[in-house]
Amino acid sequence: QVQLVESGGGLVQPGGSLRLSCAASGSGFAIRAMGWYRQAPGNQRELVASITSGGSTNYADSVKDRFTISRDNTVYLQLNSLKPEDTADYYCNAEGLTSGGRPFGSWGQGTQVTVSS
């Protein structure tokens, strides 16, 4: 079973920066891709950015050139030039295969990002 623990959220002024981290733990699985999603009040959860085990990345149009996803043993999301509309709960996601060959998807508990002056 995969456990995901996020950290790094908080309150920041418009134009500011934050870095979110997501650490995966557990055994008996192989992660194929990890991503960050966000959900603002009243909105559906949406993909922000993702990265595969091979390093390929994908970004939502709204965050391109402002956010950067990267990974070593932890997945990071660098948020720059933050806007009030970036305010949301941010969730880490991991997808892959168990040692038995079954696909899985796991979510972290979420971390809150608030952009406000």
PDB file of N, CA and C in Angstrom:
ATOM      1  N   GLN A   1       0.848  -1.181   0.000  1.00  0.00           N
ATOM      2  CA  GLN A   1       0.000   0.000   0.000  1.00  0.00           C
ATOM      3  C   GLN A   1       0.891   1.241   0.000  1.00  0.00           C
ATOM      4  N   VAL A   2       0.470   2.240  -0.747  1.00  0.00           N
ATOM      5  CA  VAL A   2       1.239   3.468  -0.882  1.00  0.00           C
ATOM      6  C   VAL A   2       0.653   4.530   0.024  1.00  0.00           C
ATOM      7  N   GLN A   3       1.496   5.140   0.823  1.00  0.00           N
ATOM      8  CA  GLN A   3       1.074   6.295   1.617  1.00  0.00           C
ATOM      9  C   GLN A   3       1.750   7.531   1.056  1.00  0.00           C
ATOM     10  N   LEU A   4       0.970   8.590   0.932  1.00  0.00           N
ATOM     11  CA  LEU A   4       1.470   9.855   0.408  1.00  0.00           C
ATOM     12  C   LEU A   4       1.282  10.933   1.465  1.00  0.00           C
ATOM     13  N   VAL A   5       2.333  11.671   1.747  1.00  0.00           N
ATOM     14  CA  VAL A   5       2.263  12.732   2.739  1.00  0.00           C
ATOM     15  C   VAL A   5       2.732  14.022   2.094  1.00  0.00           C
ATOM     16  N   GLU A   6       1.841  15.013   2.081  1.00  0.00           N
ATOM     17  CA  GLU A   6       2.158  16.296   1.476  1.00  0.00           C
ATOM     18  C   GLU A   6       2.580  17.298   2.544  1.00  0.00           C
ATOM     19  N   SER A   7       3.318  18.303   2.113  1.00  0.00           N
ATOM     20  CA  SER A   7       3.673  19.406   2.995  1.00  0.00           C
ATOM     21  C   SER A   7       4.000  20.616   2.136  1.00  0.00           C
ATOM     22  N   GLY A   8       4.034  21.785   2.774  1.00  0.00           N
ATOM     23  CA  GLY A   8       4.488  22.985   2.086  1.00  0.00           C
ATOM     24  C   GLY A   8       3.430  24.015   1.776  1.00  0.00           C
ATOM     25  N   GLY A   9       2.176  23.745   2.061  1.00  0.00           N
ATOM     26  CA  GLY A   9       1.149  24.730   1.785  1.00  0.00           C
ATOM     27  C   GLY A   9       1.216  25.886   2.767  1.00  0.00           C
ATOM     28  N   GLY A  10       0.382  26.897   2.536  1.00  0.00           N
ATOM     29  CA  GLY A  10       0.343  28.036   3.437  1.00  0.00           C
ATOM     30  C   GLY A  10      -0.297  29.240   2.797  1.00  0.00           C
ATOM     31  N   LEU A  11      -0.116  30.366   3.454  1.00  0.00           N
ATOM     32  CA  LEU A  11      -0.662  31.643   3.000  1.00  0.00           C
ATOM     33  C   LEU A  11       0.475  32.443   2.358  1.00  0.00           C
ATOM     34  N   VAL A  12       0.217  32.963   1.164  1.00  0.00           N
ATOM     35  CA  VAL A  12       1.230  33.739   0.453  1.00  0.00           C
ATOM     36  C   VAL A  12       0.551  34.882  -0.269  1.00  0.00           C
ATOM     37  N   GLN A  13       1.277  35.973  -0.445  1.00  0.00           N
ATOM     38  CA  GLN A  13       0.725  37.122  -1.155  1.00  0.00           C
ATOM     39  C   GLN A  13       0.771  36.894  -2.663  1.00  0.00           C
ATOM     40  N   PRO A  14      -0.098  37.549  -3.410  1.00  0.00           N
ATOM     41  CA  PRO A  14      -0.032  37.446  -4.871  1.00  0.00           C
ATOM     42  C   PRO A  14       1.361  37.783  -5.384  1.00  0.00           C
ATOM     43  N   GLY A  15       1.816  36.988  -6.338  1.00  0.00           N
ATOM     44  CA  GLY A  15       3.171  37.143  -6.855  1.00  0.00           C
ATOM     45  C   GLY A  15       4.209  36.343  -6.114  1.00  0.00           C
ATOM     46  N   GLY A  16       3.838  35.775  -4.987  1.00  0.00           N
ATOM     47  CA  GLY A  16       4.772  35.009  -4.170  1.00  0.00           C
ATOM     48  C   GLY A  16       4.959  33.589  -4.661  1.00  0.00           C
ATOM     49  N   SER A  17       5.738  32.824  -3.891  1.00  0.00           N
ATOM     50  CA  SER A  17       6.089  31.457  -4.264  1.00  0.00           C
ATOM     51  C   SER A  17       5.906  30.511  -3.084  1.00  0.00           C
ATOM     52  N   LEU A  18       5.666  29.259  -3.409  1.00  0.00           N
ATOM     53  CA  LEU A  18       5.620  28.170  -2.439  1.00  0.00           C
ATOM     54  C   LEU A  18       6.197  26.934  -3.104  1.00  0.00           C
ATOM     55  N   ARG A  19       6.655  25.991  -2.281  1.00  0.00           N
ATOM     56  CA  ARG A  19       7.040  24.691  -2.809  1.00  0.00           C
ATOM     57  C   ARG A  19       6.322  23.616  -2.023  1.00  0.00           C
ATOM     58  N   LEU A  20       5.590  22.793  -2.736  1.00  0.00           N
ATOM     59  CA  LEU A  20       4.888  21.670  -2.138  1.00  0.00           C
ATOM     60  C   LEU A  20       5.730  20.406  -2.319  1.00  0.00           C
ATOM     61  N   SER A  21       5.666  19.530  -1.315  1.00  0.00           N
ATOM     62  CA  SER A  21       6.389  18.261  -1.364  1.00  0.00           C
ATOM     63  C   SER A  21       5.418  17.119  -1.109  1.00  0.00           C
ATOM     64  N   CYS A  22       5.708  15.994  -1.716  1.00  0.00           N
ATOM     65  CA  CYS A  22       4.889  14.794  -1.531  1.00  0.00           C
ATOM     66  C   CYS A  22       5.827  13.596  -1.440  1.00  0.00           C
ATOM     67  N   ALA A  23       5.842  12.978  -0.279  1.00  0.00           N
ATOM     68  CA  ALA A  23       6.700  11.821  -0.060  1.00  0.00           C
ATOM     69  C   ALA A  23       5.868  10.547  -0.078  1.00  0.00           C
ATOM     70  N   ALA A  24       6.322   9.569  -0.847  1.00  0.00           N
ATOM     71  CA  ALA A  24       5.636   8.277  -0.936  1.00  0.00           C
ATOM     72  C   ALA A  24       6.363   7.252  -0.082  1.00  0.00           C
ATOM     73  N   SER A  25       5.605   6.430   0.613  1.00  0.00           N
ATOM     74  CA  SER A  25       6.196   5.359   1.413  1.00  0.00           C
ATOM     75  C   SER A  25       5.357   4.107   1.284  1.00  0.00           C
ATOM     76  N   GLY A  26       5.923   3.005   1.720  1.00  0.00           N
ATOM     77  CA  GLY A  26       5.248   1.730   1.611  1.00  0.00           C
ATOM     78  C   GLY A  26       6.101   0.763   0.817  1.00  0.00           C
ATOM     79  N   SER A  27       5.553  -0.386   0.518  1.00  0.00           N
ATOM     80  CA  SER A  27       6.306  -1.380  -0.240  1.00  0.00           C
ATOM     81  C   SER A  27       5.359  -2.176  -1.114  1.00  0.00           C
ATOM     82  N   GLY A  28       5.937  -2.908  -2.045  1.00  0.00           N
ATOM     83  CA  GLY A  28       5.144  -3.792  -2.899  1.00  0.00           C
ATOM     84  C   GLY A  28       4.427  -3.079  -4.020  1.00  0.00           C
ATOM     85  N   PHE A  29       5.049  -2.031  -4.548  1.00  0.00           N
ATOM     86  CA  PHE A  29       4.415  -1.313  -5.645  1.00  0.00           C
ATOM     87  C   PHE A  29       5.488  -0.660  -6.503  1.00  0.00           C
ATOM     88  N   ALA A  30       5.097  -0.285  -7.699  1.00  0.00           N
ATOM     89  CA  ALA A  30       5.942   0.494  -8.592  1.00  0.00           C
ATOM     90  C   ALA A  30       5.122   1.668  -9.086  1.00  0.00           C
ATOM     91  N   ILE A  31       5.610   2.851  -8.813  1.00  0.00           N
ATOM     92  CA  ILE A  31       4.888   4.060  -9.224  1.00  0.00           C
ATOM     93  C   ILE A  31       5.240   4.381 -10.667  1.00  0.00           C
ATOM     94  N   ARG A  32       4.222   4.622 -11.474  1.00  0.00           N
ATOM     95  CA  ARG A  32       4.439   4.978 -12.882  1.00  0.00           C
ATOM     96  C   ARG A  32       4.355   6.484 -13.107  1.00  0.00           C
ATOM     97  N   ALA A  33       3.523   7.134 -12.317  1.00  0.00           N
ATOM     98  CA  ALA A  33       3.366   8.576 -12.484  1.00  0.00           C
ATOM     99  C   ALA A  33       2.864   9.169 -11.184  1.00  0.00           C
ATOM    100  N   MET A  34       3.244  10.413 -10.946  1.00  0.00           N
ATOM    101  CA  MET A  34       2.732  11.157  -9.806  1.00  0.00           C
ATOM    102  C   MET A  34       2.274  12.515 -10.291  1.00  0.00           C
ATOM    103  N   GLY A  35       1.326  13.062  -9.568  1.00  0.00           N
ATOM    104  CA  GLY A  35       0.786  14.333 -10.003  1.00  0.00           C
ATOM    105  C   GLY A  35       0.253  15.137  -8.840  1.00  0.00           C
ATOM    106  N   TRP A  36       0.007  16.396  -9.146  1.00  0.00           N
ATOM    107  CA  TRP A  36      -0.643  17.307  -8.204  1.00  0.00           C
ATOM    108  C   TRP A  36      -1.971  17.747  -8.807  1.00  0.00           C
ATOM    109  N   TYR A  37      -2.998  17.659  -7.978  1.00  0.00           N
ATOM    110  CA  TYR A  37      -4.324  18.128  -8.328  1.00  0.00           C
ATOM    111  C   TYR A  37      -4.703  19.213  -7.340  1.00  0.00           C
ATOM    112  N   ARG A  38      -5.712  19.999  -7.696  1.00  0.00           N
ATOM    113  CA  ARG A  38      -6.211  20.996  -6.754  1.00  0.00           C
ATOM    114  C   ARG A  38      -7.724  21.082  -6.848  1.00  0.00           C
ATOM    115  N   GLN A  39      -8.302  21.490  -5.732  1.00  0.00           N
ATOM    116  CA  GLN A  39      -9.747  21.641  -5.668  1.00  0.00           C
ATOM    117  C   GLN A  39     -10.066  22.884  -4.866  1.00  0.00           C
ATOM    118  N   ALA A  40     -10.700  23.833  -5.529  1.00  0.00           N
ATOM    119  CA  ALA A  40     -11.158  25.049  -4.868  1.00  0.00           C
ATOM    120  C   ALA A  40     -12.612  24.847  -4.434  1.00  0.00           C
ATOM    121  N   PRO A  41     -13.077  25.579  -3.434  1.00  0.00           N
ATOM    122  CA  PRO A  41     -14.464  25.424  -2.968  1.00  0.00           C
ATOM    123  C   PRO A  41     -15.457  25.594  -4.111  1.00  0.00           C
ATOM    124  N   GLY A  42     -16.353  24.631  -4.233  1.00  0.00           N
ATOM    125  CA  GLY A  42     -17.375  24.685  -5.264  1.00  0.00           C
ATOM    126  C   GLY A  42     -16.930  24.200  -6.624  1.00  0.00           C
ATOM    127  N   ASN A  43     -15.651  23.829  -6.747  1.00  0.00           N
ATOM    128  CA  ASN A  43     -15.119  23.371  -8.036  1.00  0.00           C
ATOM    129  C   ASN A  43     -14.757  21.894  -7.970  1.00  0.00           C
ATOM    130  N   GLN A  44     -14.641  21.302  -9.156  1.00  0.00           N
ATOM    131  CA  GLN A  44     -14.172  19.920  -9.232  1.00  0.00           C
ATOM    132  C   GLN A  44     -12.655  19.886  -9.079  1.00  0.00           C
ATOM    133  N   ARG A  45     -12.160  18.739  -8.666  1.00  0.00           N
ATOM    134  CA  ARG A  45     -10.719  18.549  -8.568  1.00  0.00           C
ATOM    135  C   ARG A  45     -10.140  18.532  -9.980  1.00  0.00           C
ATOM    136  N   GLU A  46      -9.061  19.244 -10.172  1.00  0.00           N
ATOM    137  CA  GLU A  46      -8.456  19.343 -11.495  1.00  0.00           C
ATOM    138  C   GLU A  46      -6.959  19.047 -11.433  1.00  0.00           C
ATOM    139  N   LEU A  47      -6.458  18.500 -12.538  1.00  0.00           N
ATOM    140  CA  LEU A  47      -5.026  18.226 -12.633  1.00  0.00           C
ATOM    141  C   LEU A  47      -4.263  19.539 -12.766  1.00  0.00           C
ATOM    142  N   VAL A  48      -3.206  19.660 -11.976  1.00  0.00           N
ATOM    143  CA  VAL A  48      -2.318  20.811 -12.076  1.00  0.00           C
ATOM    144  C   VAL A  48      -1.074  20.442 -12.877  1.00  0.00           C
ATOM    145  N   ALA A  49      -0.415  19.347 -12.472  1.00  0.00           N
ATOM    146  CA  ALA A  49       0.801  18.909 -13.144  1.00  0.00           C
ATOM    147  C   ALA A  49       1.048  17.449 -12.828  1.00  0.00           C
ATOM    148  N   SER A  50       1.725  16.766 -13.742  1.00  0.00           N
ATOM    149  CA  SER A  50       2.062  15.366 -13.515  1.00  0.00           C
ATOM    150  C   SER A  50       3.448  15.079 -14.071  1.00  0.00           C
ATOM    151  N   ILE A  51       4.050  14.000 -13.557  1.00  0.00           N
ATOM    152  CA  ILE A  51       5.369  13.592 -14.014  1.00  0.00           C
ATOM    153  C   ILE A  51       5.430  12.075 -13.996  1.00  0.00           C
ATOM    154  N   THR A  52       5.956  11.496 -15.077  1.00  0.00           N
ATOM    155  CA  THR A  52       6.045  10.041 -15.155  1.00  0.00           C
ATOM    156  C   THR A  52       7.367   9.562 -14.558  1.00  0.00           C
ATOM    157  N   SER A  53       7.489   8.256 -14.414  1.00  0.00           N
ATOM    158  CA  SER A  53       8.739   7.688 -13.905  1.00  0.00           C
ATOM    159  C   SER A  53       9.895   7.974 -14.855  1.00  0.00           C
ATOM    160  N   GLY A  54       9.571   8.226 -16.129  1.00  0.00           N
ATOM    161  CA  GLY A  54      10.602   8.572 -17.101  1.00  0.00           C
ATOM    162  C   GLY A  54      10.933  10.048 -17.149  1.00  0.00           C
ATOM    163  N   GLY A  55      10.190  10.844 -16.385  1.00  0.00           N
ATOM    164  CA  GLY A  55      10.482  12.275 -16.316  1.00  0.00           C
ATOM    165  C   GLY A  55       9.647  13.154 -17.229  1.00  0.00           C
ATOM    166  N   SER A  56       8.716  12.590 -17.972  1.00  0.00           N
ATOM    167  CA  SER A  56       7.852  13.408 -18.822  1.00  0.00           C
ATOM    168  C   SER A  56       6.857  14.169 -17.958  1.00  0.00           C
ATOM    169  N   THR A  57       6.646  15.426 -18.291  1.00  0.00           N
ATOM    170  CA  THR A  57       5.772  16.275 -17.492  1.00  0.00           C
ATOM    171  C   THR A  57       4.593  16.779 -18.315  1.00  0.00           C
ATOM    172  N   ASN A  58       3.548  17.140 -17.592  1.00  0.00           N
ATOM    173  CA  ASN A  58       2.339  17.678 -18.209  1.00  0.00           C
ATOM    174  C   ASN A  58       1.773  18.721 -17.258  1.00  0.00           C
ATOM    175  N   TYR A  59       1.312  19.846 -17.814  1.00  0.00           N
ATOM    176  CA  TYR A  59       0.808  20.935 -16.994  1.00  0.00           C
ATOM    177  C   TYR A  59      -0.550  21.411 -17.496  1.00  0.00           C
ATOM    178  N   ALA A  60      -1.378  21.867 -16.566  1.00  0.00           N
ATOM    179  CA  ALA A  60      -2.592  22.572 -16.948  1.00  0.00           C
ATOM    180  C   ALA A  60      -2.198  23.898 -17.588  1.00  0.00           C
ATOM    181  N   ASP A  61      -2.976  24.329 -18.567  1.00  0.00           N
ATOM    182  CA  ASP A  61      -2.656  25.584 -19.264  1.00  0.00           C
ATOM    183  C   ASP A  61      -2.565  26.755 -18.291  1.00  0.00           C
ATOM    184  N   SER A  62      -3.373  26.726 -17.241  1.00  0.00           N
ATOM    185  CA  SER A  62      -3.450  27.854 -16.310  1.00  0.00           C
ATOM    186  C   SER A  62      -2.190  28.012 -15.472  1.00  0.00           C
ATOM    187  N   VAL A  63      -1.337  26.995 -15.428  1.00  0.00           N
ATOM    188  CA  VAL A  63      -0.144  27.081 -14.577  1.00  0.00           C
ATOM    189  C   VAL A  63       1.152  26.972 -15.359  1.00  0.00           C
ATOM    190  N   LYS A  64       1.065  26.745 -16.655  1.00  0.00           N
ATOM    191  CA  LYS A  64       2.284  26.657 -17.473  1.00  0.00           C
ATOM    192  C   LYS A  64       3.104  27.927 -17.310  1.00  0.00           C
ATOM    193  N   ASP A  65       4.410  27.764 -17.246  1.00  0.00           N
ATOM    194  CA  ASP A  65       5.378  28.854 -17.104  1.00  0.00           C
ATOM    195  C   ASP A  65       5.373  29.465 -15.711  1.00  0.00           C
ATOM    196  N   ARG A  66       4.514  28.970 -14.808  1.00  0.00           N
ATOM    197  CA  ARG A  66       4.520  29.457 -13.424  1.00  0.00           C
ATOM    198  C   ARG A  66       4.847  28.345 -12.435  1.00  0.00           C
ATOM    199  N   PHE A  67       4.372  27.139 -12.695  1.00  0.00           N
ATOM    200  CA  PHE A  67       4.573  26.006 -11.791  1.00  0.00           C
ATOM    201  C   PHE A  67       5.537  25.016 -12.437  1.00  0.00           C
ATOM    202  N   THR A  68       6.319  24.337 -11.592  1.00  0.00           N
ATOM    203  CA  THR A  68       7.247  23.329 -12.078  1.00  0.00           C
ATOM    204  C   THR A  68       7.157  22.090 -11.197  1.00  0.00           C
ATOM    205  N   ILE A  69       6.962  20.946 -11.832  1.00  0.00           N
ATOM    206  CA  ILE A  69       6.933  19.678 -11.102  1.00  0.00           C
ATOM    207  C   ILE A  69       8.268  18.966 -11.307  1.00  0.00           C
ATOM    208  N   SER A  70       8.764  18.344 -10.255  1.00  0.00           N
ATOM    209  CA  SER A  70      10.020  17.607 -10.333  1.00  0.00           C
ATOM    210  C   SER A  70       9.963  16.477  -9.313  1.00  0.00           C
ATOM    211  N   ARG A  71      10.933  15.553  -9.422  1.00  0.00           N
ATOM    212  CA  ARG A  71      10.930  14.439  -8.476  1.00  0.00           C
ATOM    213  C   ARG A  71      12.318  13.868  -8.290  1.00  0.00           C
ATOM    214  N   ASP A  72      12.592  13.412  -7.076  1.00  0.00           N
ATOM    215  CA  ASP A  72      13.686  12.501  -6.829  1.00  0.00           C
ATOM    216  C   ASP A  72      13.041  11.333  -6.096  1.00  0.00           C
ATOM    217  N   ASN A  73      13.212  11.178  -4.829  1.00  0.00           N
ATOM    218  CA  ASN A  73      12.408  10.217  -4.071  1.00  0.00           C
ATOM    219  C   ASN A  73      11.136  10.863  -3.550  1.00  0.00           C
ATOM    220  N   THR A  74      11.021  12.138  -3.772  1.00  0.00           N
ATOM    221  CA  THR A  74       9.873  12.954  -3.380  1.00  0.00           C
ATOM    222  C   THR A  74       9.441  13.747  -4.616  1.00  0.00           C
ATOM    223  N   VAL A  75       8.155  14.022  -4.708  1.00  0.00           N
ATOM    224  CA  VAL A  75       7.681  14.849  -5.811  1.00  0.00           C
ATOM    225  C   VAL A  75       7.453  16.256  -5.288  1.00  0.00           C
ATOM    226  N   TYR A  76       7.926  17.236  -6.055  1.00  0.00           N
ATOM    227  CA  TYR A  76       7.813  18.624  -5.670  1.00  0.00           C
ATOM    228  C   TYR A  76       6.974  19.382  -6.691  1.00  0.00           C
ATOM    229  N   LEU A  77       6.309  20.408  -6.203  1.00  0.00           N
ATOM    230  CA  LEU A  77       5.628  21.343  -7.079  1.00  0.00           C
ATOM    231  C   LEU A  77       6.053  22.739  -6.654  1.00  0.00           C
ATOM    232  N   GLN A  78       6.826  23.399  -7.507  1.00  0.00           N
ATOM    233  CA  GLN A  78       7.245  24.773  -7.259  1.00  0.00           C
ATOM    234  C   GLN A  78       6.192  25.698  -7.852  1.00  0.00           C
ATOM    235  N   LEU A  79       5.607  26.529  -7.006  1.00  0.00           N
ATOM    236  CA  LEU A  79       4.560  27.445  -7.429  1.00  0.00           C
ATOM    237  C   LEU A  79       5.122  28.862  -7.397  1.00  0.00           C
ATOM    238  N   ASN A  80       5.248  29.480  -8.548  1.00  0.00           N
ATOM    239  CA  ASN A  80       5.743  30.846  -8.653  1.00  0.00           C
ATOM    240  C   ASN A  80       4.662  31.758  -9.213  1.00  0.00           C
ATOM    241  N   SER A  81       4.849  33.046  -9.021  1.00  0.00           N
ATOM    242  CA  SER A  81       3.912  34.053  -9.549  1.00  0.00           C
ATOM    243  C   SER A  81       2.477  33.694  -9.183  1.00  0.00           C
ATOM    244  N   LEU A  82       2.253  33.378  -7.929  1.00  0.00           N
ATOM    245  CA  LEU A  82       0.946  32.905  -7.499  1.00  0.00           C
ATOM    246  C   LEU A  82      -0.122  33.971  -7.634  1.00  0.00           C
ATOM    247  N   LYS A  83      -1.315  33.522  -7.981  1.00  0.00           N
ATOM    248  CA  LYS A  83      -2.472  34.386  -8.167  1.00  0.00           C
ATOM    249  C   LYS A  83      -3.569  33.979  -7.191  1.00  0.00           C
ATOM    250  N   PRO A  84      -4.478  34.880  -6.859  1.00  0.00           N
ATOM    251  CA  PRO A  84      -5.578  34.494  -5.966  1.00  0.00           C
ATOM    252  C   PRO A  84      -6.359  33.289  -6.480  1.00  0.00           C
ATOM    253  N   GLU A  85      -6.468  33.149  -7.784  1.00  0.00           N
ATOM    254  CA  GLU A  85      -7.215  32.005  -8.338  1.00  0.00           C
ATOM    255  C   GLU A  85      -6.482  30.674  -8.180  1.00  0.00           C
ATOM    256  N   ASP A  86      -5.238  30.698  -7.701  1.00  0.00           N
ATOM    257  CA  ASP A  86      -4.528  29.465  -7.376  1.00  0.00           C
ATOM    258  C   ASP A  86      -4.907  28.932  -6.003  1.00  0.00           C
ATOM    259  N   THR A  87      -5.682  29.697  -5.262  1.00  0.00           N
ATOM    260  CA  THR A  87      -6.121  29.262  -3.934  1.00  0.00           C
ATOM    261  C   THR A  87      -6.946  27.990  -4.032  1.00  0.00           C
ATOM    262  N   ALA A  88      -6.533  26.962  -3.315  1.00  0.00           N
ATOM    263  CA  ALA A  88      -7.210  25.666  -3.355  1.00  0.00           C
ATOM    264  C   ALA A  88      -6.536  24.707  -2.389  1.00  0.00           C
ATOM    265  N   ASP A  89      -7.158  23.573  -2.191  1.00  0.00           N
ATOM    266  CA  ASP A  89      -6.493  22.449  -1.537  1.00  0.00           C
ATOM    267  C   ASP A  89      -5.763  21.666  -2.625  1.00  0.00           C
ATOM    268  N   TYR A  90      -4.501  21.404  -2.394  1.00  0.00           N
ATOM    269  CA  TYR A  90      -3.665  20.697  -3.360  1.00  0.00           C
ATOM    270  C   TYR A  90      -3.437  19.273  -2.882  1.00  0.00           C
ATOM    271  N   TYR A  91      -3.651  18.312  -3.785  1.00  0.00           N
ATOM    272  CA  TYR A  91      -3.558  16.901  -3.453  1.00  0.00           C
ATOM    273  C   TYR A  91      -2.514  16.217  -4.319  1.00  0.00           C
ATOM    274  N   CYS A  92      -1.731  15.368  -3.698  1.00  0.00           N
ATOM    275  CA  CYS A  92      -0.761  14.544  -4.403  1.00  0.00           C
ATOM    276  C   CYS A  92      -1.418  13.227  -4.799  1.00  0.00           C
ATOM    277  N   ASN A  93      -1.076  12.737  -5.965  1.00  0.00           N
ATOM    278  CA  ASN A  93      -1.622  11.486  -6.481  1.00  0.00           C
ATOM    279  C   ASN A  93      -0.495  10.622  -7.025  1.00  0.00           C
ATOM    280  N   ALA A  94      -0.596   9.326  -6.797  1.00  0.00           N
ATOM    281  CA  ALA A  94       0.357   8.374  -7.366  1.00  0.00           C
ATOM    282  C   ALA A  94      -0.407   7.255  -8.052  1.00  0.00           C
ATOM    283  N   GLU A  95       0.074   6.857  -9.220  1.00  0.00           N
ATOM    284  CA  GLU A  95      -0.530   5.751  -9.962  1.00  0.00           C
ATOM    285  C   GLU A  95       0.566   4.775 -10.356  1.00  0.00           C
ATOM    286  N   GLY A  96       0.219   3.494 -10.348  1.00  0.00           N
ATOM    287  CA  GLY A  96       1.214   2.493 -10.734  1.00  0.00           C
ATOM    288  C   GLY A  96       0.646   1.104 -10.654  1.00  0.00           C
ATOM    289  N   LEU A  97       1.510   0.147 -10.381  1.00  0.00           N
ATOM    290  CA  LEU A  97       1.138  -1.256 -10.294  1.00  0.00           C
ATOM    291  C   LEU A  97       1.615  -1.831  -8.969  1.00  0.00           C
ATOM    292  N   THR A  98       0.801  -2.689  -8.380  1.00  0.00           N
ATOM    293  CA  THR A  98       1.243  -3.418  -7.205  1.00  0.00           C
ATOM    294  C   THR A  98       2.188  -4.529  -7.639  1.00  0.00           C
ATOM    295  N   SER A  99       2.838  -5.155  -6.677  1.00  0.00           N
ATOM    296  CA  SER A  99       3.737  -6.258  -6.995  1.00  0.00           C
ATOM    297  C   SER A  99       2.984  -7.420  -7.631  1.00  0.00           C
ATOM    298  N   GLY A 100       1.670  -7.469  -7.430  1.00  0.00           N
ATOM    299  CA  GLY A 100       0.840  -8.476  -8.048  1.00  0.00           C
ATOM    300  C   GLY A 100       0.351  -8.096  -9.430  1.00  0.00           C
ATOM    301  N   GLY A 101       0.753  -6.920  -9.908  1.00  0.00           N
ATOM    302  CA  GLY A 101       0.390  -6.496 -11.251  1.00  0.00           C
ATOM    303  C   GLY A 101      -0.939  -5.756 -11.342  1.00  0.00           C
ATOM    304  N   ARG A 102      -1.513  -5.418 -10.211  1.00  0.00           N
ATOM    305  CA  ARG A 102      -2.796  -4.698 -10.249  1.00  0.00           C
ATOM    306  C   ARG A 102      -2.546  -3.191 -10.225  1.00  0.00           C
ATOM    307  N   PRO A 103      -3.310  -2.464 -11.026  1.00  0.00           N
ATOM    308  CA  PRO A 103      -3.149  -1.004 -11.005  1.00  0.00           C
ATOM    309  C   PRO A 103      -3.678  -0.414  -9.707  1.00  0.00           C
ATOM    310  N   PHE A 104      -3.083   0.660  -9.274  1.00  0.00           N
ATOM    311  CA  PHE A 104      -3.563   1.360  -8.093  1.00  0.00           C
ATOM    312  C   PHE A 104      -3.468   2.860  -8.323  1.00  0.00           C
ATOM    313  N   GLY A 105      -4.222   3.557  -7.511  1.00  0.00           N
ATOM    314  CA  GLY A 105      -4.147   5.012  -7.447  1.00  0.00           C
ATOM    315  C   GLY A 105      -4.309   5.432  -6.001  1.00  0.00           C
ATOM    316  N   SER A 106      -3.427   6.288  -5.531  1.00  0.00           N
ATOM    317  CA  SER A 106      -3.477   6.725  -4.137  1.00  0.00           C
ATOM    318  C   SER A 106      -3.459   8.243  -4.054  1.00  0.00           C
ATOM    319  N   TRP A 107      -4.086   8.763  -3.004  1.00  0.00           N
ATOM    320  CA  TRP A 107      -4.154  10.204  -2.781  1.00  0.00           C
ATOM    321  C   TRP A 107      -3.552  10.554  -1.433  1.00  0.00           C
ATOM    322  N   GLY A 108      -2.957  11.720  -1.373  1.00  0.00           N
ATOM    323  CA  GLY A 108      -2.542  12.268  -0.099  1.00  0.00           C
ATOM    324  C   GLY A 108      -3.707  12.969   0.574  1.00  0.00           C
ATOM    325  N   GLN A 109      -3.432  13.510   1.758  1.00  0.00           N
ATOM    326  CA  GLN A 109      -4.497  14.119   2.555  1.00  0.00           C
ATOM    327  C   GLN A 109      -4.788  15.552   2.133  1.00  0.00           C
ATOM    328  N   GLY A 110      -3.918  16.136   1.340  1.00  0.00           N
ATOM    329  CA  GLY A 110      -4.130  17.495   0.871  1.00  0.00           C
ATOM    330  C   GLY A 110      -3.393  18.524   1.700  1.00  0.00           C
ATOM    331  N   THR A 111      -3.021  19.610   1.046  1.00  0.00           N
ATOM    332  CA  THR A 111      -2.403  20.741   1.730  1.00  0.00           C
ATOM    333  C   THR A 111      -3.002  22.022   1.152  1.00  0.00           C
ATOM    334  N   GLN A 112      -3.297  22.953   2.017  1.00  0.00           N
ATOM    335  CA  GLN A 112      -4.029  24.157   1.603  1.00  0.00           C
ATOM    336  C   GLN A 112      -3.064  25.244   1.154  1.00  0.00           C
ATOM    337  N   VAL A 113      -3.384  25.845   0.017  1.00  0.00           N
ATOM    338  CA  VAL A 113      -2.653  26.996  -0.501  1.00  0.00           C
ATOM    339  C   VAL A 113      -3.630  28.169  -0.593  1.00  0.00           C
ATOM    340  N   THR A 114      -3.300  29.255   0.064  1.00  0.00           N
ATOM    341  CA  THR A 114      -4.133  30.460   0.030  1.00  0.00           C
ATOM    342  C   THR A 114      -3.291  31.620  -0.465  1.00  0.00           C
ATOM    343  N   VAL A 115      -3.765  32.251  -1.535  1.00  0.00           N
ATOM    344  CA  VAL A 115      -3.061  33.394  -2.122  1.00  0.00           C
ATOM    345  C   VAL A 115      -3.924  34.632  -1.886  1.00  0.00           C
ATOM    346  N   SER A 116      -3.450  35.501  -1.029  1.00  0.00           N
ATOM    347  CA  SER A 116      -4.245  36.659  -0.647  1.00  0.00           C
ATOM    348  C   SER A 116      -3.346  37.742  -0.091  1.00  0.00           C
ATOM    349  N   SER A 117      -3.743  38.990  -0.325  1.00  0.00           N
ATOM    350  CA  SER A 117      -3.004  40.109   0.245  1.00  0.00           C
ATOM    351  C   SER A 117      -3.612  40.512   1.579  1.00  0.00           C
TER     352      SER A 117
END
